[in-house]
């Protein structure tokens, strides 16, 4: 994630790294262990055994988030912290340990003055102090919660289809759809839950007990796991399953316009991205395919880096990729 002239990225197990955007120099890096987040009494009670995870996931999968003044970071250990851009830690908190055997990967979400963390429960923290503002029971997943508006009201949508008011955690809807791995896509008042058996759900125009989201359509692109989150551009949704089969879906109707095997040579964890007029799709062995958006497949380029599972970030005419060993800046 980028804030001004700095880029923030995570490293195993609990390190937040700040990099100079211009030249890649590491400006500072901070660890966020249990010892930093708890008193000795709390540590003794909890014990410092790490929650379960998998080597593909690790503990540093969640992406940091920033409001331009502070950067917020969450790790699969259950610790969450806030830093200013110069590396001064403003607060650190242990929320809870994931019970998922494959580990935690959902990123934190910043909405106004609240930071949302979804490990087991959906927890709203005061962004300035780390104090818990509210907590709601809901199903867990590996995808991240998404921000949307219902009328003028900020809401949070979980990958399992629960919708809560951001202000106080009031439930607006439960189980409107479900995603196993990726994140809901929200655009123009519609939440898209894209995987095999996905849905488009129109969000209501206002909040209220009698108002319910409306299912616009259901779709069935290629049946597989969808680790990567989709992207929408010009009325088309681009989704890719773990084996690299791309599905392009009409956002208005749910019709699958075309499907294309991208031959990415590895499992696809990287979310699809739209930048500079092109769509980018990557596999974990470092292959990236660049193609034109539209109703037919037109490949533009095919490039290789070291292996990576992260999603690229674009700023100006530069592309930043967090590889397994190196951080890359690719410029025009």
C-alpha atoms as a PDB file:
ATOM      1  CA  UNK A   1       0.000   0.000   0.000  1.00  0.00           C
ATOM      2  CA  UNK A   2       1.261   3.512  -0.859  1.00  0.00           C
ATOM      3  CA  UNK A   3       1.070   6.722   1.194  1.00  0.00           C
ATOM      4  CA  UNK A   4       2.725   9.793  -0.301  1.00  0.00           C
ATOM      5  CA  UNK A   5       6.342   8.975  -1.104  1.00  0.00           C
ATOM      6  CA  UNK A   6       6.357   5.725   0.878  1.00  0.00           C
ATOM      7  CA  UNK A   7       5.351   2.133   0.255  1.00  0.00           C
ATOM      8  CA  UNK A   8       4.406  -0.265   3.056  1.00  0.00           C
ATOM      9  CA  UNK A   9       4.693  -4.034   2.799  1.00  0.00           C
ATOM     10  CA  UNK A  10       4.782  -6.945   5.245  1.00  0.00           C
ATOM     11  CA  UNK A  11       7.360  -9.644   5.913  1.00  0.00           C
ATOM     12  CA  UNK A  12       7.222 -12.875   7.915  1.00  0.00           C
ATOM     13  CA  UNK A  13       6.211 -13.203  10.607  1.00  0.00           C
ATOM     14  CA  UNK A  14       5.132  -9.841  12.000  1.00  0.00           C
ATOM     15  CA  UNK A  15       7.274  -7.175  10.324  1.00  0.00           C
ATOM     16  CA  UNK A  16       5.976  -3.994   8.721  1.00  0.00           C
ATOM     17  CA  UNK A  17       8.485  -2.549   6.225  1.00  0.00           C
ATOM     18  CA  UNK A  18       8.501   1.079   5.010  1.00  0.00           C
ATOM     19  CA  UNK A  19      10.230   1.679   1.666  1.00  0.00           C
ATOM     20  CA  UNK A  20      11.124   4.893  -0.142  1.00  0.00           C
ATOM     21  CA  UNK A  21       8.910   4.924  -3.217  1.00  0.00           C
ATOM     22  CA  UNK A  22      11.518   6.616  -5.389  1.00  0.00           C
ATOM     23  CA  UNK A  23      14.474   4.263  -4.986  1.00  0.00           C
ATOM     24  CA  UNK A  24      13.354   1.247  -2.905  1.00  0.00           C
ATOM     25  CA  UNK A  25      15.513   2.097   0.104  1.00  0.00           C
ATOM     26  CA  UNK A  26      14.182   0.601   3.349  1.00  0.00           C
ATOM     27  CA  UNK A  27      13.453   3.561   5.647  1.00  0.00           C
ATOM     28  CA  UNK A  28      12.327   1.562   8.677  1.00  0.00           C
ATOM     29  CA  UNK A  29      10.913  -1.801   9.715  1.00  0.00           C
ATOM     30  CA  UNK A  30       9.079  -2.808  12.884  1.00  0.00           C
ATOM     31  CA  UNK A  31       8.042  -6.152  14.369  1.00  0.00           C
ATOM     32  CA  UNK A  32       4.689  -6.634  16.078  1.00  0.00           C
ATOM     33  CA  UNK A  33       4.914  -9.645  18.351  1.00  0.00           C
ATOM     34  CA  UNK A  34       2.769 -10.772  21.267  1.00  0.00           C
ATOM     35  CA  UNK A  35       5.313  -9.269  23.663  1.00  0.00           C
ATOM     36  CA  UNK A  36       4.567  -5.830  22.194  1.00  0.00           C
ATOM     37  CA  UNK A  37       0.790  -6.204  22.435  1.00  0.00           C
ATOM     38  CA  UNK A  38       0.318  -7.763  25.884  1.00  0.00           C
ATOM     39  CA  UNK A  39       1.298  -7.416  29.483  1.00  0.00           C
ATOM     40  CA  UNK A  40       3.385 -10.266  30.950  1.00  0.00           C
ATOM     41  CA  UNK A  41       0.267 -11.500  32.754  1.00  0.00           C
ATOM     42  CA  UNK A  42      -1.755 -11.579  29.534  1.00  0.00           C
ATOM     43  CA  UNK A  43       1.034 -13.420  27.696  1.00  0.00           C
ATOM     44  CA  UNK A  44       1.294 -16.011  30.455  1.00  0.00           C
ATOM     45  CA  UNK A  45      -2.446 -16.605  30.365  1.00  0.00           C
ATOM     46  CA  UNK A  46      -2.696 -16.874  26.581  1.00  0.00           C
ATOM     47  CA  UNK A  47       0.630 -18.624  25.961  1.00  0.00           C
ATOM     48  CA  UNK A  48       2.685 -17.639  22.960  1.00  0.00           C
ATOM     49  CA  UNK A  49       1.932 -20.608  20.755  1.00  0.00           C
ATOM     50  CA  UNK A  50       1.129 -19.386  17.242  1.00  0.00           C
ATOM     51  CA  UNK A  51      -2.246 -20.071  15.617  1.00  0.00           C
ATOM     52  CA  UNK A  52      -2.347 -22.601  12.766  1.00  0.00           C
ATOM     53  CA  UNK A  53      -1.402 -21.609   9.234  1.00  0.00           C
ATOM     54  CA  UNK A  54       0.007 -23.089   6.025  1.00  0.00           C
ATOM     55  CA  UNK A  55       3.365 -22.362   4.379  1.00  0.00           C
ATOM     56  CA  UNK A  56       1.555 -20.946   1.344  1.00  0.00           C
ATOM     57  CA  UNK A  57      -0.164 -18.398   3.578  1.00  0.00           C
ATOM     58  CA  UNK A  58       2.126 -17.708   6.521  1.00  0.00           C
ATOM     59  CA  UNK A  59       1.358 -14.880   8.955  1.00  0.00           C
ATOM     60  CA  UNK A  60       1.943 -11.783   6.811  1.00  0.00           C
ATOM     61  CA  UNK A  61      -0.641 -12.193   4.043  1.00  0.00           C
ATOM     62  CA  UNK A  62      -2.964  -9.305   5.035  1.00  0.00           C
ATOM     63  CA  UNK A  63      -2.311  -6.042   3.168  1.00  0.00           C
ATOM     64  CA  UNK A  64      -1.731  -2.900   5.267  1.00  0.00           C
ATOM     65  CA  UNK A  65      -4.159   0.009   4.897  1.00  0.00           C
ATOM     66  CA  UNK A  66      -3.520   3.750   5.215  1.00  0.00           C
ATOM     67  CA  UNK A  67      -5.404   7.037   5.500  1.00  0.00           C
ATOM     68  CA  UNK A  68      -2.346   9.017   4.422  1.00  0.00           C
ATOM     69  CA  UNK A  69      -1.411   9.920   8.010  1.00  0.00           C
ATOM     70  CA  UNK A  70      -1.210   6.500   9.625  1.00  0.00           C
ATOM     71  CA  UNK A  71      -0.637   2.972   8.375  1.00  0.00           C
ATOM     72  CA  UNK A  72      -2.506   0.048   9.934  1.00  0.00           C
ATOM     73  CA  UNK A  73      -1.265  -3.523   9.809  1.00  0.00           C
ATOM     74  CA  UNK A  74      -2.720  -6.903  10.790  1.00  0.00           C
ATOM     75  CA  UNK A  75      -0.910 -10.220  11.038  1.00  0.00           C
ATOM     76  CA  UNK A  76      -2.125 -13.814  11.096  1.00  0.00           C
ATOM     77  CA  UNK A  77      -0.961 -14.031  14.697  1.00  0.00           C
ATOM     78  CA  UNK A  78      -3.934 -11.836  15.644  1.00  0.00           C
ATOM     79  CA  UNK A  79      -1.973  -8.653  16.374  1.00  0.00           C
ATOM     80  CA  UNK A  80      -2.956  -5.340  14.795  1.00  0.00           C
ATOM     81  CA  UNK A  81      -0.990  -2.083  15.035  1.00  0.00           C
ATOM     82  CA  UNK A  82      -1.016   1.556  13.961  1.00  0.00           C
ATOM     83  CA  UNK A  83       2.076   3.578  12.958  1.00  0.00           C
ATOM     84  CA  UNK A  84       2.642   7.078  11.715  1.00  0.00           C
ATOM     85  CA  UNK A  85       4.546   7.340   8.434  1.00  0.00           C
ATOM     86  CA  UNK A  86       7.859   7.819  10.252  1.00  0.00           C
ATOM     87  CA  UNK A  87       7.605   4.498  12.069  1.00  0.00           C
ATOM     88  CA  UNK A  88       6.372   5.671  15.457  1.00  0.00           C
ATOM     89  CA  UNK A  89       3.918   3.103  16.795  1.00  0.00           C
ATOM     90  CA  UNK A  90       0.747   4.766  18.066  1.00  0.00           C
ATOM     91  CA  UNK A  91      -0.839   1.578  19.380  1.00  0.00           C
ATOM     92  CA  UNK A  92      -0.751  -2.226  19.137  1.00  0.00           C
ATOM     93  CA  UNK A  93      -3.453  -4.697  20.141  1.00  0.00           C
ATOM     94  CA  UNK A  94      -4.020  -8.428  20.204  1.00  0.00           C
ATOM     95  CA  UNK A  95      -7.528  -9.110  18.890  1.00  0.00           C
ATOM     96  CA  UNK A  96      -7.834 -12.923  18.761  1.00  0.00           C
ATOM     97  CA  UNK A  97      -6.253 -15.998  17.210  1.00  0.00           C
ATOM     98  CA  UNK A  98      -7.546 -17.540  14.019  1.00  0.00           C
ATOM     99  CA  UNK A  99      -8.840 -21.079  14.299  1.00  0.00           C
ATOM    100  CA  UNK A 100      -8.625 -21.756  10.550  1.00  0.00           C
ATOM    101  CA  UNK A 101      -6.228 -24.584   9.789  1.00  0.00           C
ATOM    102  CA  UNK A 102      -4.953 -22.769   6.703  1.00  0.00           C
ATOM    103  CA  UNK A 103      -4.303 -19.548   8.637  1.00  0.00           C
ATOM    104  CA  UNK A 104      -5.618 -16.003   8.355  1.00  0.00           C
ATOM    105  CA  UNK A 105      -5.367 -13.795   5.247  1.00  0.00           C
ATOM    106  CA  UNK A 106      -8.189 -11.193   5.369  1.00  0.00           C
ATOM    107  CA  UNK A 107      -6.839  -7.630   5.258  1.00  0.00           C
ATOM    108  CA  UNK A 108      -7.961  -4.862   7.615  1.00  0.00           C
ATOM    109  CA  UNK A 109     -10.500  -2.339   6.320  1.00  0.00           C
ATOM    110  CA  UNK A 110     -10.492   1.374   7.173  1.00  0.00           C
ATOM    111  CA  UNK A 111     -13.837   3.217   7.092  1.00  0.00           C
ATOM    112  CA  UNK A 112     -13.851   6.724   8.543  1.00  0.00           C
ATOM    113  CA  UNK A 113     -12.616   6.612  12.133  1.00  0.00           C
ATOM    114  CA  UNK A 114     -12.858   2.822  12.442  1.00  0.00           C
ATOM    115  CA  UNK A 115     -10.532  -0.022  11.534  1.00  0.00           C
ATOM    116  CA  UNK A 116     -12.291  -3.322  10.816  1.00  0.00           C
ATOM    117  CA  UNK A 117     -10.564  -6.624  11.528  1.00  0.00           C
ATOM    118  CA  UNK A 118     -12.212  -9.950  10.645  1.00  0.00           C
ATOM    119  CA  UNK A 119     -10.400 -12.901  12.215  1.00  0.00           C
ATOM    120  CA  UNK A 120     -13.213 -14.804  13.954  1.00  0.00           C
ATOM    121  CA  UNK A 121     -15.663 -12.007  14.749  1.00  0.00           C
ATOM    122  CA  UNK A 122     -15.935  -8.764  12.816  1.00  0.00           C
ATOM    123  CA  UNK A 123     -14.328  -6.254  15.184  1.00  0.00           C
ATOM    124  CA  UNK A 124     -14.459  -2.468  14.815  1.00  0.00           C
ATOM    125  CA  UNK A 125     -11.525  -0.666  16.421  1.00  0.00           C
ATOM    126  CA  UNK A 126     -11.115   3.046  17.062  1.00  0.00           C
ATOM    127  CA  UNK A 127      -8.542   3.951  14.414  1.00  0.00           C
ATOM    128  CA  UNK A 128      -6.822   6.488  16.665  1.00  0.00           C
ATOM    129  CA  UNK A 129      -6.596   4.426  19.859  1.00  0.00           C
ATOM    130  CA  UNK A 130      -7.172   0.746  18.997  1.00  0.00           C
ATOM    131  CA  UNK A 131     -10.074   0.566  21.452  1.00  0.00           C
ATOM    132  CA  UNK A 132     -12.827  -1.913  20.524  1.00  0.00           C
ATOM    133  CA  UNK A 133     -15.920   0.006  19.423  1.00  0.00           C
ATOM    134  CA  UNK A 134     -18.093  -3.010  18.631  1.00  0.00           C
ATOM    135  CA  UNK A 135     -17.931  -6.720  17.829  1.00  0.00           C
ATOM    136  CA  UNK A 136     -20.282  -8.919  15.798  1.00  0.00           C
ATOM    137  CA  UNK A 137     -20.424 -12.692  15.447  1.00  0.00           C
ATOM    138  CA  UNK A 138     -20.220 -13.833  11.828  1.00  0.00           C
ATOM    139  CA  UNK A 139     -18.762 -16.551   9.639  1.00  0.00           C
ATOM    140  CA  UNK A 140     -15.081 -16.347   8.848  1.00  0.00           C
ATOM    141  CA  UNK A 141     -13.388 -16.568   5.470  1.00  0.00           C
ATOM    142  CA  UNK A 142     -10.050 -15.888   3.824  1.00  0.00           C
ATOM    143  CA  UNK A 143     -11.258 -12.940   1.775  1.00  0.00           C
ATOM    144  CA  UNK A 144     -11.361  -9.392   3.149  1.00  0.00           C
ATOM    145  CA  UNK A 145     -14.465  -7.419   4.134  1.00  0.00           C
ATOM    146  CA  UNK A 146     -15.562  -4.667   1.740  1.00  0.00           C
ATOM    147  CA  UNK A 147     -16.844  -1.122   2.262  1.00  0.00           C
ATOM    148  CA  UNK A 148     -20.072   0.052   0.631  1.00  0.00           C
ATOM    149  CA  UNK A 149     -22.816   2.653   1.017  1.00  0.00           C
ATOM    150  CA  UNK A 150     -26.502   2.059   1.664  1.00  0.00           C
ATOM    151  CA  UNK A 151     -27.945   5.470   0.988  1.00  0.00           C
ATOM    152  CA  UNK A 152     -25.690   7.773   3.026  1.00  0.00           C
ATOM    153  CA  UNK A 153     -24.794   5.035   5.521  1.00  0.00           C
ATOM    154  CA  UNK A 154     -21.381   3.345   5.522  1.00  0.00           C
ATOM    155  CA  UNK A 155     -21.668  -0.435   5.671  1.00  0.00           C
ATOM    156  CA  UNK A 156     -19.256  -3.359   5.823  1.00  0.00           C
ATOM    157  CA  UNK A 157     -19.903  -6.482   3.737  1.00  0.00           C
ATOM    158  CA  UNK A 158     -18.190  -9.717   4.738  1.00  0.00           C
ATOM    159  CA  UNK A 159     -17.218 -12.405   2.205  1.00  0.00           C
ATOM    160  CA  UNK A 160     -19.917 -14.610   3.759  1.00  0.00           C
ATOM    161  CA  UNK A 161     -22.596 -12.073   2.825  1.00  0.00           C
ATOM    162  CA  UNK A 162     -23.334 -10.352   6.135  1.00  0.00           C
ATOM    163  CA  UNK A 163     -23.923  -6.594   5.991  1.00  0.00           C
ATOM    164  CA  UNK A 164     -23.364  -4.393   9.052  1.00  0.00           C
ATOM    165  CA  UNK A 165     -23.627  -0.682   9.725  1.00  0.00           C
ATOM    166  CA  UNK A 166     -20.108   0.617  10.159  1.00  0.00           C
ATOM    167  CA  UNK A 167     -21.137   3.040  12.901  1.00  0.00           C
ATOM    168  CA  UNK A 168     -22.530   0.600  15.449  1.00  0.00           C
ATOM    169  CA  UNK A 169     -22.499  -2.939  14.009  1.00  0.00           C
ATOM    170  CA  UNK A 170     -26.260  -3.112  13.473  1.00  0.00           C
ATOM    171  CA  UNK A 171     -27.192  -6.014  11.196  1.00  0.00           C
ATOM    172  CA  UNK A 172     -28.739  -4.967   7.885  1.00  0.00           C
ATOM    173  CA  UNK A 173     -28.672  -8.406   6.257  1.00  0.00           C
ATOM    174  CA  UNK A 174     -27.335 -11.904   6.773  1.00  0.00           C
ATOM    175  CA  UNK A 175     -26.101 -14.461   4.240  1.00  0.00           C
ATOM    176  CA  UNK A 176     -27.008 -12.562   1.067  1.00  0.00           C
ATOM    177  CA  UNK A 177     -24.378 -14.701  -0.672  1.00  0.00           C
ATOM    178  CA  UNK A 178     -21.113 -16.394   0.245  1.00  0.00           C
ATOM    179  CA  UNK A 179     -17.512 -16.568  -0.918  1.00  0.00           C
ATOM    180  CA  UNK A 180     -15.098 -19.231   0.210  1.00  0.00           C
ATOM    181  CA  UNK A 181     -11.800 -17.516  -0.561  1.00  0.00           C
ATOM    182  CA  UNK A 182     -11.936 -14.096  -2.233  1.00  0.00           C
ATOM    183  CA  UNK A 183     -13.420 -10.656  -1.504  1.00  0.00           C
ATOM    184  CA  UNK A 184     -16.782  -9.155  -2.574  1.00  0.00           C
ATOM    185  CA  UNK A 185     -16.558  -6.606  -5.386  1.00  0.00           C
ATOM    186  CA  UNK A 186     -18.719  -3.501  -4.856  1.00  0.00           C
ATOM    187  CA  UNK A 187     -19.516  -1.108  -7.685  1.00  0.00           C
ATOM    188  CA  UNK A 188     -22.398   1.300  -8.388  1.00  0.00           C
ATOM    189  CA  UNK A 189     -24.537   0.024  -5.542  1.00  0.00           C
ATOM    190  CA  UNK A 190     -24.142  -3.654  -6.418  1.00  0.00           C
ATOM    191  CA  UNK A 191     -22.132  -6.258  -4.491  1.00  0.00           C
ATOM    192  CA  UNK A 192     -20.747  -9.026  -6.674  1.00  0.00           C
ATOM    193  CA  UNK A 193     -19.873 -12.381  -5.093  1.00  0.00           C
ATOM    194  CA  UNK A 194     -17.945 -14.068  -7.875  1.00  0.00           C
ATOM    195  CA  UNK A 195     -17.002 -17.733  -7.806  1.00  0.00           C
ATOM    196  CA  UNK A 196     -18.658 -20.837  -9.216  1.00  0.00           C
ATOM    197  CA  UNK A 197     -22.271 -20.152  -8.272  1.00  0.00           C
ATOM    198  CA  UNK A 198     -21.737 -16.405  -7.797  1.00  0.00           C
ATOM    199  CA  UNK A 199     -24.349 -13.669  -7.401  1.00  0.00           C
ATOM    200  CA  UNK A 200     -24.951  -9.988  -7.995  1.00  0.00           C
ATOM    201  CA  UNK A 201     -26.803  -8.356  -5.094  1.00  0.00           C
ATOM    202  CA  UNK A 202     -28.274  -4.863  -5.393  1.00  0.00           C
ATOM    203  CA  UNK A 203     -27.830  -2.960  -2.168  1.00  0.00           C
ATOM    204  CA  UNK A 204     -30.918  -1.125  -0.852  1.00  0.00           C
ATOM    205  CA  UNK A 205     -31.232   2.637  -1.295  1.00  0.00           C
ATOM    206  CA  UNK A 206     -31.753   3.205   2.415  1.00  0.00           C
ATOM    207  CA  UNK A 207     -31.443   1.436   5.746  1.00  0.00           C
ATOM    208  CA  UNK A 208     -34.421   0.051   7.637  1.00  0.00           C
ATOM    209  CA  UNK A 209     -35.811  -3.192   9.075  1.00  0.00           C
ATOM    210  CA  UNK A 210     -38.005  -3.948   6.057  1.00  0.00           C
ATOM    211  CA  UNK A 211     -35.386  -3.220   3.399  1.00  0.00           C
ATOM    212  CA  UNK A 212     -33.613  -6.220   1.911  1.00  0.00           C
ATOM    213  CA  UNK A 213     -30.879  -6.585  -0.718  1.00  0.00           C
ATOM    214  CA  UNK A 214     -32.142  -7.835  -4.083  1.00  0.00           C
ATOM    215  CA  UNK A 215     -30.497 -10.677  -6.003  1.00  0.00           C
ATOM    216  CA  UNK A 216     -30.117  -9.445  -9.585  1.00  0.00           C
ATOM    217  CA  UNK A 217     -28.655 -12.587 -11.074  1.00  0.00           C
ATOM    218  CA  UNK A 218     -26.732 -15.767 -10.397  1.00  0.00           C
ATOM    219  CA  UNK A 219     -23.897 -17.092 -12.531  1.00  0.00           C
ATOM    220  CA  UNK A 220     -21.736 -20.182 -12.884  1.00  0.00           C
ATOM    221  CA  UNK A 221     -18.302 -19.547 -14.364  1.00  0.00           C
ATOM    222  CA  UNK A 222     -15.728 -22.337 -14.383  1.00  0.00           C
ATOM    223  CA  UNK A 223     -16.017 -24.584 -11.340  1.00  0.00           C
ATOM    224  CA  UNK A 224     -12.887 -24.305  -9.171  1.00  0.00           C
ATOM    225  CA  UNK A 225     -11.445 -22.337  -6.282  1.00  0.00           C
ATOM    226  CA  UNK A 226     -11.323 -18.561  -6.747  1.00  0.00           C
ATOM    227  CA  UNK A 227      -8.478 -17.339  -4.531  1.00  0.00           C
ATOM    228  CA  UNK A 228      -8.023 -14.157  -6.579  1.00  0.00           C
ATOM    229  CA  UNK A 229     -10.511 -11.325  -6.203  1.00  0.00           C
ATOM    230  CA  UNK A 230     -12.181 -10.102  -9.423  1.00  0.00           C
ATOM    231  CA  UNK A 231     -12.065  -6.688 -11.079  1.00  0.00           C
ATOM    232  CA  UNK A 232     -14.790  -4.782 -12.956  1.00  0.00           C
ATOM    233  CA  UNK A 233     -14.334  -2.404 -15.888  1.00  0.00           C
ATOM    234  CA  UNK A 234     -16.764  -0.949 -18.410  1.00  0.00           C
ATOM    235  CA  UNK A 235     -19.608  -3.335 -17.592  1.00  0.00           C
ATOM    236  CA  UNK A 236     -17.523  -6.510 -17.527  1.00  0.00           C
ATOM    237  CA  UNK A 237     -16.292  -8.515 -14.542  1.00  0.00           C
ATOM    238  CA  UNK A 238     -12.992 -10.371 -14.863  1.00  0.00           C
ATOM    239  CA  UNK A 239     -12.568 -13.391 -12.586  1.00  0.00           C
ATOM    240  CA  UNK A 240      -9.915 -16.094 -12.534  1.00  0.00           C
ATOM    241  CA  UNK A 241      -9.853 -19.477 -10.836  1.00  0.00           C
ATOM    242  CA  UNK A 242      -6.819 -21.085  -9.229  1.00  0.00           C
ATOM    243  CA  UNK A 243      -5.747 -22.982 -12.350  1.00  0.00           C
ATOM    244  CA  UNK A 244      -5.617 -19.831 -14.491  1.00  0.00           C
ATOM    245  CA  UNK A 245      -8.920 -20.060 -16.366  1.00  0.00           C
ATOM    246  CA  UNK A 246     -10.245 -16.532 -16.936  1.00  0.00           C
ATOM    247  CA  UNK A 247     -14.003 -15.873 -17.018  1.00  0.00           C
ATOM    248  CA  UNK A 248     -15.374 -12.588 -18.316  1.00  0.00           C
ATOM    249  CA  UNK A 249     -18.899 -11.913 -17.050  1.00  0.00           C
ATOM    250  CA  UNK A 250     -21.464  -9.319 -18.101  1.00  0.00           C
ATOM    251  CA  UNK A 251     -22.017  -7.219 -14.964  1.00  0.00           C
ATOM    252  CA  UNK A 252     -25.627  -6.435 -15.937  1.00  0.00           C
ATOM    253  CA  UNK A 253     -26.832  -9.972 -16.643  1.00  0.00           C
ATOM    254  CA  UNK A 254     -24.336 -12.464 -15.196  1.00  0.00           C
ATOM    255  CA  UNK A 255     -23.801 -14.028 -18.611  1.00  0.00           C
ATOM    256  CA  UNK A 256     -20.349 -15.515 -19.108  1.00  0.00           C
ATOM    257  CA  UNK A 257     -19.099 -13.650 -22.196  1.00  0.00           C
ATOM    258  CA  UNK A 258     -16.031 -15.825 -22.736  1.00  0.00           C
ATOM    259  CA  UNK A 259     -13.539 -18.035 -20.927  1.00  0.00           C
ATOM    260  CA  UNK A 260      -9.834 -18.265 -21.675  1.00  0.00           C
ATOM    261  CA  UNK A 261      -7.046 -20.455 -20.303  1.00  0.00           C
ATOM    262  CA  UNK A 262      -4.144 -18.105 -19.518  1.00  0.00           C
ATOM    263  CA  UNK A 263      -1.416 -20.725 -18.934  1.00  0.00           C
ATOM    264  CA  UNK A 264       0.071 -18.899 -15.963  1.00  0.00           C
ATOM    265  CA  UNK A 265       2.208 -21.836 -14.866  1.00  0.00           C
ATOM    266  CA  UNK A 266       1.194 -22.083 -11.226  1.00  0.00           C
ATOM    267  CA  UNK A 267      -1.656 -21.536  -8.812  1.00  0.00           C
ATOM    268  CA  UNK A 268      -3.316 -18.117  -9.086  1.00  0.00           C
ATOM    269  CA  UNK A 269      -3.532 -16.274  -5.764  1.00  0.00           C
ATOM    270  CA  UNK A 270      -2.898 -12.772  -7.158  1.00  0.00           C
ATOM    271  CA  UNK A 271      -6.021 -10.656  -7.575  1.00  0.00           C
ATOM    272  CA  UNK A 272      -6.751  -9.336 -11.048  1.00  0.00           C
ATOM    273  CA  UNK A 273      -5.900  -5.683 -11.639  1.00  0.00           C
ATOM    274  CA  UNK A 274      -6.912  -3.016 -14.160  1.00  0.00           C
ATOM    275  CA  UNK A 275      -4.334  -0.305 -14.873  1.00  0.00           C
ATOM    276  CA  UNK A 276      -3.242   1.812 -17.826  1.00  0.00           C
ATOM    277  CA  UNK A 277      -6.033   0.470 -19.994  1.00  0.00           C
ATOM    278  CA  UNK A 278      -5.092  -3.196 -19.492  1.00  0.00           C
ATOM    279  CA  UNK A 279      -5.962  -6.151 -17.261  1.00  0.00           C
ATOM    280  CA  UNK A 280      -3.137  -7.925 -15.407  1.00  0.00           C
ATOM    281  CA  UNK A 281      -3.280 -11.587 -14.320  1.00  0.00           C
ATOM    282  CA  UNK A 282      -0.455 -13.402 -12.499  1.00  0.00           C
ATOM    283  CA  UNK A 283       0.432 -16.896 -11.337  1.00  0.00           C
ATOM    284  CA  UNK A 284       2.488 -17.796  -8.278  1.00  0.00           C
ATOM    285  CA  UNK A 285       5.569 -18.796 -10.289  1.00  0.00           C
ATOM    286  CA  UNK A 286       5.977 -15.212 -11.496  1.00  0.00           C
ATOM    287  CA  UNK A 287       4.215 -15.228 -14.875  1.00  0.00           C
ATOM    288  CA  UNK A 288       2.025 -12.188 -15.655  1.00  0.00           C
ATOM    289  CA  UNK A 289      -0.257 -11.909 -18.678  1.00  0.00           C
ATOM    290  CA  UNK A 290      -1.391  -8.474 -19.847  1.00  0.00           C
ATOM    291  CA  UNK A 291      -4.510  -8.341 -22.022  1.00  0.00           C
ATOM    292  CA  UNK A 292      -6.982  -5.800 -23.336  1.00  0.00           C
ATOM    293  CA  UNK A 293     -10.389  -5.484 -21.668  1.00  0.00           C
ATOM    294  CA  UNK A 294     -13.391  -6.294 -23.819  1.00  0.00           C
ATOM    295  CA  UNK A 295     -15.689  -9.025 -25.083  1.00  0.00           C
ATOM    296  CA  UNK A 296     -12.961 -10.998 -26.806  1.00  0.00           C
ATOM    297  CA  UNK A 297      -9.550 -12.042 -25.588  1.00  0.00           C
ATOM    298  CA  UNK A 298      -6.600 -10.055 -26.921  1.00  0.00           C
ATOM    299  CA  UNK A 299      -3.262 -10.715 -25.249  1.00  0.00           C
ATOM    300  CA  UNK A 300      -0.747  -7.855 -25.255  1.00  0.00           C
ATOM    301  CA  UNK A 301       2.251  -9.144 -23.343  1.00  0.00           C
ATOM    302  CA  UNK A 302       3.600 -11.970 -21.199  1.00  0.00           C
ATOM    303  CA  UNK A 303       6.256 -11.300 -18.569  1.00  0.00           C
ATOM    304  CA  UNK A 304       8.191 -13.241 -15.913  1.00  0.00           C
ATOM    305  CA  UNK A 305       9.495 -12.305 -12.462  1.00  0.00           C
ATOM    306  CA  UNK A 306      10.502 -14.368  -9.445  1.00  0.00           C
ATOM    307  CA  UNK A 307       7.631 -16.266  -7.761  1.00  0.00           C
ATOM    308  CA  UNK A 308       5.014 -14.126  -6.014  1.00  0.00           C
ATOM    309  CA  UNK A 309       1.523 -14.499  -4.564  1.00  0.00           C
ATOM    310  CA  UNK A 310       0.844 -10.847  -3.745  1.00  0.00           C
ATOM    311  CA  UNK A 311      -1.299  -8.429  -5.733  1.00  0.00           C
ATOM    312  CA  UNK A 312       0.447  -5.605  -7.641  1.00  0.00           C
ATOM    313  CA  UNK A 313       0.024  -1.927  -6.810  1.00  0.00           C
ATOM    314  CA  UNK A 314       0.020   0.770  -9.504  1.00  0.00           C
ATOM    315  CA  UNK A 315       0.883   4.464  -9.078  1.00  0.00           C
ATOM    316  CA  UNK A 316       1.508   6.854 -11.942  1.00  0.00           C
ATOM    317  CA  UNK A 317       3.540   4.988 -14.538  1.00  0.00           C
ATOM    318  CA  UNK A 318       4.962   2.489 -12.089  1.00  0.00           C
ATOM    319  CA  UNK A 319       3.957  -0.992 -10.992  1.00  0.00           C
ATOM    320  CA  UNK A 320       5.086  -2.435  -7.638  1.00  0.00           C
ATOM    321  CA  UNK A 321       5.243  -6.183  -7.005  1.00  0.00           C
ATOM    322  CA  UNK A 322       6.149  -7.898  -3.735  1.00  0.00           C
ATOM    323  CA  UNK A 323       8.003 -11.058  -4.737  1.00  0.00           C
ATOM    324  CA  UNK A 324       8.884 -13.930  -2.430  1.00  0.00           C
ATOM    325  CA  UNK A 325      12.414 -12.526  -2.036  1.00  0.00           C
ATOM    326  CA  UNK A 326      12.435  -9.048  -3.546  1.00  0.00           C
ATOM    327  CA  UNK A 327      10.247  -5.965  -3.963  1.00  0.00           C
ATOM    328  CA  UNK A 328      10.090  -4.775  -7.578  1.00  0.00           C
ATOM    329  CA  UNK A 329       9.352  -1.408  -9.136  1.00  0.00           C
ATOM    330  CA  UNK A 330       8.588  -1.629 -12.864  1.00  0.00           C
ATOM    331  CA  UNK A 331       8.344   1.672 -14.724  1.00  0.00           C
ATOM    332  CA  UNK A 332       7.658   2.929 -18.223  1.00  0.00           C
END
